Amino acid sequence: MTAVPSPGPQSDAPTAGPSSGFSRLGLVLWAGAAVCLVAAGLVLWNARGAGVFTDVLAAAIAWCF
């Protein structure tokens, strides 16, 4: 009998690659968008005051529904 060579070690662990769900670029873009929205809100709050900012925010939420 002759020995059959084994194919080598195989791993069932998922590999990180371009097709693995969220990419690093996508995560960076989403984080950047979130930071921009928070910064825009802080600038609006600083420029217009808390009362006006709260009114605008409440109107925007009400418009969504």
C-alpha atoms as a PDB file:
ATOM      1  CA  MET A   1       0.000   0.000   0.000  1.00  0.00           C
ATOM      2  CA  THR A   2       1.119   3.503  -0.727  1.00  0.00           C
ATOM      3  CA  ALA A   3       0.441   6.453   1.523  1.00  0.00           C
ATOM      4  CA  VAL A   4      -1.838   9.149   0.180  1.00  0.00           C
ATOM      5  CA  PRO A   5      -0.417  12.606   0.868  1.00  0.00           C
ATOM      6  CA  SER A   6      -2.688  14.807   2.962  1.00  0.00           C
ATOM      7  CA  PRO A   7      -3.772  18.124   1.461  1.00  0.00           C
ATOM      8  CA  GLY A   8      -2.301  19.983   4.442  1.00  0.00           C
ATOM      9  CA  PRO A   9      -3.887  21.832   7.311  1.00  0.00           C
ATOM     10  CA  GLN A  10      -7.195  23.419   6.522  1.00  0.00           C
ATOM     11  CA  SER A  11      -8.863  26.104   8.525  1.00  0.00           C
ATOM     12  CA  ASP A  12     -12.578  26.778   8.695  1.00  0.00           C
ATOM     13  CA  ALA A  13     -11.972  30.266  10.080  1.00  0.00           C
ATOM     14  CA  PRO A  14     -13.311  33.055   7.887  1.00  0.00           C
ATOM     15  CA  THR A  15     -10.711  35.079   6.096  1.00  0.00           C
ATOM     16  CA  ALA A  16     -10.747  38.849   6.080  1.00  0.00           C
ATOM     17  CA  GLY A  17     -10.969  40.186   2.609  1.00  0.00           C
ATOM     18  CA  PRO A  18     -12.893  42.555   0.408  1.00  0.00           C
ATOM     19  CA  SER A  19     -15.979  40.354   0.473  1.00  0.00           C
ATOM     20  CA  SER A  20     -16.166  39.972   4.249  1.00  0.00           C
ATOM     21  CA  GLY A  21     -19.142  42.216   5.049  1.00  0.00           C
ATOM     22  CA  PHE A  22     -18.027  45.638   6.201  1.00  0.00           C
ATOM     23  CA  SER A  23     -14.742  46.829   4.826  1.00  0.00           C
ATOM     24  CA  ARG A  24     -12.435  49.162   6.681  1.00  0.00           C
ATOM     25  CA  LEU A  25     -13.139  51.933   4.157  1.00  0.00           C
ATOM     26  CA  GLY A  26     -16.898  51.584   4.684  1.00  0.00           C
ATOM     27  CA  LEU A  27     -16.467  51.738   8.441  1.00  0.00           C
ATOM     28  CA  VAL A  28     -14.291  54.856   8.158  1.00  0.00           C
ATOM     29  CA  LEU A  29     -16.847  56.523   5.872  1.00  0.00           C
ATOM     30  CA  TRP A  30     -19.747  55.785   8.240  1.00  0.00           C
ATOM     31  CA  ALA A  31     -17.749  57.026  11.233  1.00  0.00           C
ATOM     32  CA  GLY A  32     -16.804  60.186   9.322  1.00  0.00           C
ATOM     33  CA  ALA A  33     -20.437  60.827   8.421  1.00  0.00           C
ATOM     34  CA  ALA A  34     -21.486  60.418  12.068  1.00  0.00           C
ATOM     35  CA  VAL A  35     -18.767  62.803  13.242  1.00  0.00           C
ATOM     36  CA  CYS A  36     -19.841  65.370  10.627  1.00  0.00           C
ATOM     37  CA  LEU A  37     -23.471  65.187  11.759  1.00  0.00           C
ATOM     38  CA  VAL A  38     -22.541  65.626  15.409  1.00  0.00           C
ATOM     39  CA  ALA A  39     -20.216  68.531  14.555  1.00  0.00           C
ATOM     40  CA  ALA A  40     -22.943  70.209  12.477  1.00  0.00           C
ATOM     41  CA  GLY A  41     -25.358  69.869  15.392  1.00  0.00           C
ATOM     42  CA  LEU A  42     -22.870  71.393  17.806  1.00  0.00           C
ATOM     43  CA  VAL A  43     -22.190  74.312  15.462  1.00  0.00           C
ATOM     44  CA  LEU A  44     -25.935  74.919  15.059  1.00  0.00           C
ATOM     45  CA  TRP A  45     -26.447  74.739  18.814  1.00  0.00           C
ATOM     46  CA  ASN A  46     -23.592  77.190  19.402  1.00  0.00           C
ATOM     47  CA  ALA A  47     -24.773  79.632  16.732  1.00  0.00           C
ATOM     48  CA  ARG A  48     -28.536  79.583  17.362  1.00  0.00           C
ATOM     49  CA  GLY A  49     -28.826  78.704  21.025  1.00  0.00           C
ATOM     50  CA  ALA A  50     -30.361  75.762  22.813  1.00  0.00           C
ATOM     51  CA  GLY A  51     -33.985  76.910  22.440  1.00  0.00           C
ATOM     52  CA  VAL A  52     -33.910  77.345  18.690  1.00  0.00           C
ATOM     53  CA  PHE A  53     -31.860  74.193  18.250  1.00  0.00           C
ATOM     54  CA  THR A  54     -34.381  72.175  20.267  1.00  0.00           C
ATOM     55  CA  ASP A  55     -37.288  73.607  18.252  1.00  0.00           C
ATOM     56  CA  VAL A  56     -35.593  72.770  14.959  1.00  0.00           C
ATOM     57  CA  LEU A  57     -34.743  69.278  16.178  1.00  0.00           C
ATOM     58  CA  ALA A  58     -38.316  68.657  17.354  1.00  0.00           C
ATOM     59  CA  ALA A  59     -39.709  69.892  14.040  1.00  0.00           C
ATOM     60  CA  ALA A  60     -37.330  67.636  12.105  1.00  0.00           C
ATOM     61  CA  ILE A  61     -38.344  64.598  14.141  1.00  0.00           C
ATOM     62  CA  ALA A  62     -42.039  65.458  13.757  1.00  0.00           C
ATOM     63  CA  TRP A  63     -41.579  65.823   9.986  1.00  0.00           C
ATOM     64  CA  CYS A  64     -40.221  62.265   9.823  1.00  0.00           C
ATOM     65  CA  PHE A  65     -43.451  60.888  11.268  1.00  0.00           C
END
